């Protein structure tokens, strides 16, 4: 008969339940155990009594995987919070909270599991399980708090990289919000030059702008840019946003959205102009523009 001791000052019953739930899997492998509560040197231990011969190595491998899952579930949030407060203490409380939220979203997807988050979880679990097994190969006694504090440098490094990425994501999002706030400010101080502007997407990543009567105003918007740079160097997505801000219409109708490859562009326009944007799901204007792009002359456009 052999013994293995797991020191857990808190939540001993929870760890015991986790192991008890796996009893059937253990017995299927010919591993029979009994669990007892022991207190030694003011530390609560879960005593694992092994009643099978020559099965201790198998038991340790099994427990290493179970305890790795437990450690990730119970300590990961705490570790990430500690890393943020230690490495990024110059952020204020609200910013650190946002970074934590972003880090947790990146690491577990807030329930939106996918192949990448699953693979990353497996990687982290394997790091912890490997370290647990290395330790248990030299000892039949482990205190989880001490092990987590001093033996998981590789795991902590993984979490530091998660936090670093979360900070980068947060800063990009912050800069984007500031960019949107600035664009909205420009729109607010502009006097509307047109009540309605229609935006028609083309197959060549260019856009046609029309006023409500159907008169094309694209060239009026592009002229200032053409004077400064060659047409080959123009970013037509940026030009569209700049043109709409300059025109500051009361309503923007965007047609043929399926031909717009840059979906972030649409999000930017929505965020800047908010309730002034209407995405057309199909109309005579869409049909006529498609016909015109195939060489058929466009007719006059009806005001919406």
Protein backbone atom coordinates (compact mmCIF):
# COMPACT_ATOMS: atom_id res chain seq x y z
CA UNK A 1 0.00 0.00 0.00
CA UNK A 2 1.34 3.42 -0.99
CA UNK A 3 0.36 6.98 -0.15
CA UNK A 4 0.38 10.29 -1.96
CA UNK A 5 -0.33 13.57 -0.14
CA UNK A 6 -1.82 16.72 -1.70
CA UNK A 7 -1.56 19.77 0.57
CA UNK A 8 -4.53 22.13 0.18
CA UNK A 9 -5.29 24.70 2.82
CA UNK A 10 -8.48 25.81 1.10
CA UNK A 11 -11.07 23.94 -0.93
CA UNK A 12 -9.81 20.49 0.04
CA UNK A 13 -13.31 19.10 -0.36
CA UNK A 14 -13.50 20.48 -3.90
CA UNK A 15 -10.29 18.72 -4.94
CA UNK A 16 -11.52 15.58 -3.23
CA UNK A 17 -14.77 15.76 -5.25
CA UNK A 18 -12.83 16.22 -8.49
CA UNK A 19 -10.82 13.07 -7.80
CA UNK A 20 -13.90 11.13 -6.67
CA UNK A 21 -15.64 12.01 -9.94
CA UNK A 22 -12.71 10.38 -11.76
CA UNK A 23 -12.74 7.22 -9.62
CA UNK A 24 -14.44 5.17 -12.35
CA UNK A 25 -11.80 6.21 -14.90
CA UNK A 26 -9.08 5.25 -12.44
CA UNK A 27 -10.62 1.85 -11.72
CA UNK A 28 -10.92 1.19 -15.45
CA UNK A 29 -7.13 1.52 -15.53
CA UNK A 30 -6.78 -0.90 -12.61
CA UNK A 31 -6.04 1.89 -10.10
CA UNK A 32 -7.93 1.62 -6.82
CA UNK A 33 -7.65 4.40 -4.26
CA UNK A 34 -9.14 5.62 -1.00
CA UNK A 35 -9.21 9.29 0.01
CA UNK A 36 -8.70 10.59 3.56
CA UNK A 37 -8.27 13.96 5.21
CA UNK A 38 -5.00 14.45 7.13
CA UNK A 39 -3.59 17.49 8.92
CA UNK A 40 0.17 17.70 9.32
CA UNK A 41 2.21 20.73 10.41
CA UNK A 42 -0.90 22.95 10.20
CA UNK A 43 -1.45 21.98 6.57
CA UNK A 44 -4.56 20.18 5.38
CA UNK A 45 -3.67 17.21 3.19
CA UNK A 46 -5.74 15.01 0.98
CA UNK A 47 -4.29 11.56 1.54
CA UNK A 48 -4.56 9.35 -1.53
CA UNK A 49 -4.21 5.74 -0.46
CA UNK A 50 -3.23 3.53 -3.38
CA UNK A 51 -4.51 -0.02 -3.03
CA UNK A 52 -3.07 -1.33 -6.31
CA UNK A 53 0.43 -2.70 -6.82
CA UNK A 54 2.88 -0.99 -9.20
CA UNK A 55 0.37 1.69 -10.16
CA UNK A 56 1.85 4.78 -8.48
CA UNK A 57 3.35 6.16 -11.71
CA UNK A 58 0.02 5.76 -13.47
CA UNK A 59 -1.76 7.43 -10.56
CA UNK A 60 0.64 10.38 -10.62
CA UNK A 61 0.11 10.93 -14.35
CA UNK A 62 -3.64 10.82 -13.87
CA UNK A 63 -3.58 13.22 -10.92
CA UNK A 64 -1.20 15.57 -12.73
CA UNK A 65 -3.82 16.08 -15.45
CA UNK A 66 -6.67 16.52 -12.96
CA UNK A 67 -4.72 18.98 -10.81
CA UNK A 68 -3.58 20.92 -13.90
CA UNK A 69 -7.22 21.59 -14.80
CA UNK A 70 -7.94 22.60 -11.21
CA UNK A 71 -4.98 24.99 -11.05
CA UNK A 72 -5.94 26.69 -14.32
CA UNK A 73 -9.53 27.10 -13.19
CA UNK A 74 -8.70 28.38 -9.70
CA UNK A 75 -5.47 30.35 -10.17
CA UNK A 76 -5.47 31.70 -13.73
CA UNK A 77 -7.71 34.72 -13.11
CA UNK A 78 -5.66 35.56 -10.01
CA UNK A 79 -2.36 35.27 -11.90
CA UNK A 80 -3.51 37.47 -14.77
CA UNK A 81 -4.75 40.13 -12.33
CA UNK A 82 -1.43 40.03 -10.49
CA UNK A 83 0.57 40.36 -13.72
CA UNK A 84 -1.50 43.37 -14.80
CA UNK A 85 -1.04 45.12 -11.46
CA UNK A 86 2.68 44.31 -11.39
CA UNK A 87 3.71 44.97 -14.99
CA UNK A 88 1.21 47.67 -15.88
CA UNK A 89 0.71 49.54 -12.61
CA UNK A 90 0.78 52.89 -14.45
CA UNK A 91 -2.69 52.23 -15.87
CA UNK A 92 -5.55 53.46 -13.72
CA UNK A 93 -8.07 51.13 -12.09
CA UNK A 94 -10.59 51.35 -14.93
CA UNK A 95 -7.92 50.72 -17.56
CA UNK A 96 -6.57 47.70 -15.70
CA UNK A 97 -10.10 46.35 -15.46
CA UNK A 98 -10.48 46.71 -19.24
CA UNK A 99 -7.14 44.98 -19.82
CA UNK A 100 -8.22 42.11 -17.55
CA UNK A 101 -11.50 41.82 -19.46
CA UNK A 102 -9.61 41.75 -22.77
CA UNK A 103 -7.10 39.19 -21.49
CA UNK A 104 -9.85 36.87 -20.26
CA UNK A 105 -11.71 37.29 -23.54
CA UNK A 106 -8.57 36.39 -25.49
CA UNK A 107 -7.78 33.40 -23.31
CA UNK A 108 -11.23 31.80 -23.02
CA UNK A 109 -13.39 33.74 -25.46
CA UNK A 110 -16.04 34.36 -22.77
CA UNK A 111 -17.77 31.14 -23.79
CA UNK A 112 -17.09 31.57 -27.51
CA UNK A 113 -14.96 28.47 -27.79
CA UNK A 114 -13.11 27.84 -31.04
CA UNK A 115 -10.25 25.67 -32.19
CA UNK A 116 -7.62 28.27 -31.25
CA UNK A 117 -8.87 28.85 -27.70
CA UNK A 118 -9.17 25.07 -27.23
CA UNK A 119 -5.63 24.48 -28.48
CA UNK A 120 -4.32 27.28 -26.25
CA UNK A 121 -6.11 25.73 -23.26
CA UNK A 122 -4.55 22.35 -24.05
CA UNK A 123 -1.12 23.98 -24.31
CA UNK A 124 -1.47 25.70 -20.91
CA UNK A 125 -2.80 22.54 -19.31
CA UNK A 126 0.09 20.50 -20.71
CA UNK A 127 2.64 22.97 -19.32
CA UNK A 128 1.14 22.72 -15.82
CA UNK A 129 0.60 18.94 -15.99
CA UNK A 130 4.20 18.38 -17.11
CA UNK A 131 5.53 20.45 -14.20
CA UNK A 132 3.27 18.61 -11.76
CA UNK A 133 4.46 15.24 -13.02
CA UNK A 134 8.12 16.31 -12.84
CA UNK A 135 7.59 17.25 -9.21
CA UNK A 136 5.61 14.13 -8.30
CA UNK A 137 8.26 11.91 -9.86
CA UNK A 138 10.60 13.01 -7.05
CA UNK A 139 8.10 13.21 -4.20
CA UNK A 140 4.85 11.68 -2.97
CA UNK A 141 3.90 14.93 -1.24
CA UNK A 142 2.93 18.24 -2.85
CA UNK A 143 1.54 21.49 -1.41
CA UNK A 144 -0.42 23.15 -4.21
CA UNK A 145 0.01 26.78 -3.12
CA UNK A 146 3.77 26.40 -2.87
CA UNK A 147 3.97 24.51 -6.14
CA UNK A 148 1.91 27.15 -7.97
CA UNK A 149 4.01 29.97 -6.50
CA UNK A 150 7.47 28.59 -7.23
CA UNK A 151 7.25 25.92 -9.95
CA UNK A 152 5.18 27.39 -12.76
CA UNK A 153 7.49 29.93 -14.39
CA UNK A 154 6.78 28.67 -17.92
CA UNK A 155 3.06 28.87 -17.30
CA UNK A 156 3.35 32.39 -15.86
CA UNK A 157 5.37 33.41 -18.92
CA UNK A 158 2.51 32.22 -21.13
CA UNK A 159 0.08 34.35 -19.12
CA UNK A 160 2.41 37.36 -19.32
CA UNK A 161 2.28 37.07 -23.10
CA UNK A 162 -1.52 36.94 -22.89
CA UNK A 163 -1.50 40.14 -20.83
CA UNK A 164 0.96 41.85 -23.19
CA UNK A 165 -1.34 41.11 -26.11
CA UNK A 166 -4.35 42.32 -24.12
CA UNK A 167 -2.56 45.61 -23.47
CA UNK A 168 -1.79 45.98 -27.19
CA UNK A 169 -5.43 45.21 -28.04
CA UNK A 170 -6.66 47.66 -25.40
CA UNK A 171 -4.39 50.46 -26.65
CA UNK A 172 -5.49 49.88 -30.25
CA UNK A 173 -9.13 49.94 -29.17
CA UNK A 174 -8.52 53.10 -27.13
CA UNK A 175 -6.83 54.81 -30.07
CA UNK A 176 -9.68 53.73 -32.35
CA UNK A 177 -12.28 55.16 -29.95
CA UNK A 178 -10.34 58.43 -29.79
CA UNK A 179 -10.12 58.46 -33.59
CA UNK A 180 -13.89 57.94 -33.87
CA UNK A 181 -14.53 60.66 -31.26
CA UNK A 182 -12.41 63.09 -33.28
CA UNK A 183 -14.19 62.24 -36.54
CA UNK A 184 -17.58 62.69 -34.87
CA UNK A 185 -16.43 66.06 -33.64
CA UNK A 186 -15.51 67.12 -37.19
CA UNK A 187 -18.92 65.97 -38.40
CA UNK A 188 -20.70 67.90 -35.64
CA UNK A 189 -18.97 71.20 -36.47
CA UNK A 190 -19.54 70.87 -40.21
CA UNK A 191 -22.47 72.54 -41.91
CA UNK A 192 -24.24 69.84 -44.01
CA UNK A 193 -23.48 70.41 -47.68
CA UNK A 194 -26.11 67.91 -48.77
CA UNK A 195 -29.22 66.55 -47.14
CA UNK A 196 -28.72 63.07 -48.64
CA UNK A 197 -25.68 61.34 -50.12
CA UNK A 198 -25.79 57.96 -51.83
CA UNK A 199 -22.65 55.79 -51.71
CA UNK A 200 -22.40 53.11 -54.39
CA UNK A 201 -19.68 50.51 -54.08
CA UNK A 202 -17.84 49.38 -57.18
CA UNK A 203 -16.03 46.14 -58.02
CA UNK A 204 -12.65 47.95 -58.10
CA UNK A 205 -12.68 49.13 -54.48
CA UNK A 206 -13.79 52.58 -55.60
CA UNK A 207 -16.96 54.39 -54.69
CA UNK A 208 -19.45 56.61 -56.52
CA UNK A 209 -21.10 59.45 -54.57
CA UNK A 210 -24.42 60.88 -55.63
CA UNK A 211 -26.58 63.62 -54.21
CA UNK A 212 -30.32 63.06 -53.78
CA UNK A 213 -31.19 64.11 -57.33
CA UNK A 214 -28.78 61.56 -58.78
CA UNK A 215 -26.05 64.01 -59.73
CA UNK A 216 -22.63 62.48 -59.27
CA UNK A 217 -20.39 64.42 -56.89
CA UNK A 218 -17.48 61.98 -56.73
CA UNK A 219 -15.08 64.19 -58.71
CA UNK A 220 -15.82 67.18 -56.50
CA UNK A 221 -14.74 65.15 -53.46
CA UNK A 222 -11.65 63.61 -55.01
CA UNK A 223 -10.21 66.71 -56.66
CA UNK A 224 -8.36 68.04 -53.61
CA UNK A 225 -6.71 64.65 -53.07
CA UNK A 226 -5.73 64.28 -56.73
CA UNK A 227 -3.99 67.62 -56.54
CA UNK A 228 -1.76 66.32 -53.74
CA UNK A 229 -1.13 62.70 -54.72
CA UNK A 230 -1.46 60.62 -57.84
CA UNK A 231 -4.66 58.63 -58.25
CA UNK A 232 -2.65 55.40 -58.00
CA UNK A 233 -1.62 56.32 -54.45
CA UNK A 234 -5.10 57.22 -53.21
CA UNK A 235 -6.63 55.00 -50.54
CA UNK A 236 -10.27 55.05 -51.63
CA UNK A 237 -11.55 53.78 -48.28
CA UNK A 238 -9.91 56.71 -46.48
CA UNK A 239 -11.11 59.03 -49.22
CA UNK A 240 -14.70 57.86 -48.73
CA UNK A 241 -14.62 58.58 -44.98
CA UNK A 242 -12.96 61.95 -45.54
CA UNK A 243 -15.48 62.89 -48.23
CA UNK A 244 -18.48 61.98 -46.07
CA UNK A 245 -17.08 64.00 -43.16
CA UNK A 246 -16.53 66.99 -45.43
CA UNK A 247 -20.01 66.71 -46.91
CA UNK A 248 -21.58 66.01 -43.48
CA UNK A 249 -24.94 64.90 -44.96
CA UNK A 250 -28.00 64.44 -42.81
CA UNK A 251 -28.51 60.97 -44.30
CA UNK A 252 -26.15 58.49 -45.94
CA UNK A 253 -27.47 55.60 -48.02
CA UNK A 254 -24.88 52.90 -48.71
CA UNK A 255 -25.70 50.62 -51.63
CA UNK A 256 -24.25 47.33 -52.87
CA UNK A 257 -22.63 46.58 -49.52
CA UNK A 258 -21.85 43.04 -50.65
CA UNK A 259 -19.17 44.48 -52.93
CA UNK A 260 -17.42 46.24 -50.04
CA UNK A 261 -14.48 44.09 -48.95
CA UNK A 262 -13.40 46.30 -46.06
CA UNK A 263 -16.02 45.56 -43.39
CA UNK A 264 -14.13 47.66 -40.83
CA UNK A 265 -14.76 50.64 -43.08
CA UNK A 266 -18.51 50.13 -42.70
CA UNK A 267 -18.14 49.88 -38.92
CA UNK A 268 -16.19 53.15 -38.89
CA UNK A 269 -18.87 54.94 -40.92
CA UNK A 270 -21.59 53.55 -38.63
CA UNK A 271 -19.69 54.65 -35.52
CA UNK A 272 -19.03 58.15 -36.85
CA UNK A 273 -22.45 58.92 -38.33
CA UNK A 274 -24.50 56.65 -36.03
CA UNK A 275 -28.20 56.97 -36.90
CA UNK A 276 -27.55 58.86 -40.13
CA UNK A 277 -26.48 55.69 -41.98
CA UNK A 278 -28.83 53.40 -43.88
CA UNK A 279 -27.54 50.20 -45.51
CA UNK A 280 -29.61 49.46 -48.59
CA UNK A 281 -30.70 45.86 -49.04
CA UNK A 282 -31.52 46.35 -52.73
CA UNK A 283 -33.26 49.05 -54.78
CA UNK A 284 -33.56 50.46 -58.31
CA UNK A 285 -30.45 52.52 -57.69
CA UNK A 286 -28.43 49.40 -56.91
CA UNK A 287 -29.72 47.68 -60.06
CA UNK A 288 -29.11 50.73 -62.26
CA UNK A 289 -25.59 51.19 -60.93
CA UNK A 290 -24.78 47.53 -61.63
CA UNK A 291 -26.11 47.94 -65.16
CA UNK A 292 -24.10 51.14 -65.59
CA UNK A 293 -20.91 49.44 -64.47
CA UNK A 294 -21.49 46.92 -67.27
CA UNK A 295 -21.58 49.61 -69.92
CA UNK A 296 -25.27 50.59 -69.84
CA UNK A 297 -25.95 54.30 -69.27
CA UNK A 298 -27.40 55.22 -65.88
CA UNK A 299 -30.75 56.91 -65.80
CA UNK A 300 -31.76 59.65 -63.40
CA UNK A 301 -32.01 58.60 -59.76
CA UNK A 302 -35.12 59.04 -57.70
CA UNK A 303 -34.78 60.88 -54.41
CA UNK A 304 -35.45 58.71 -51.34
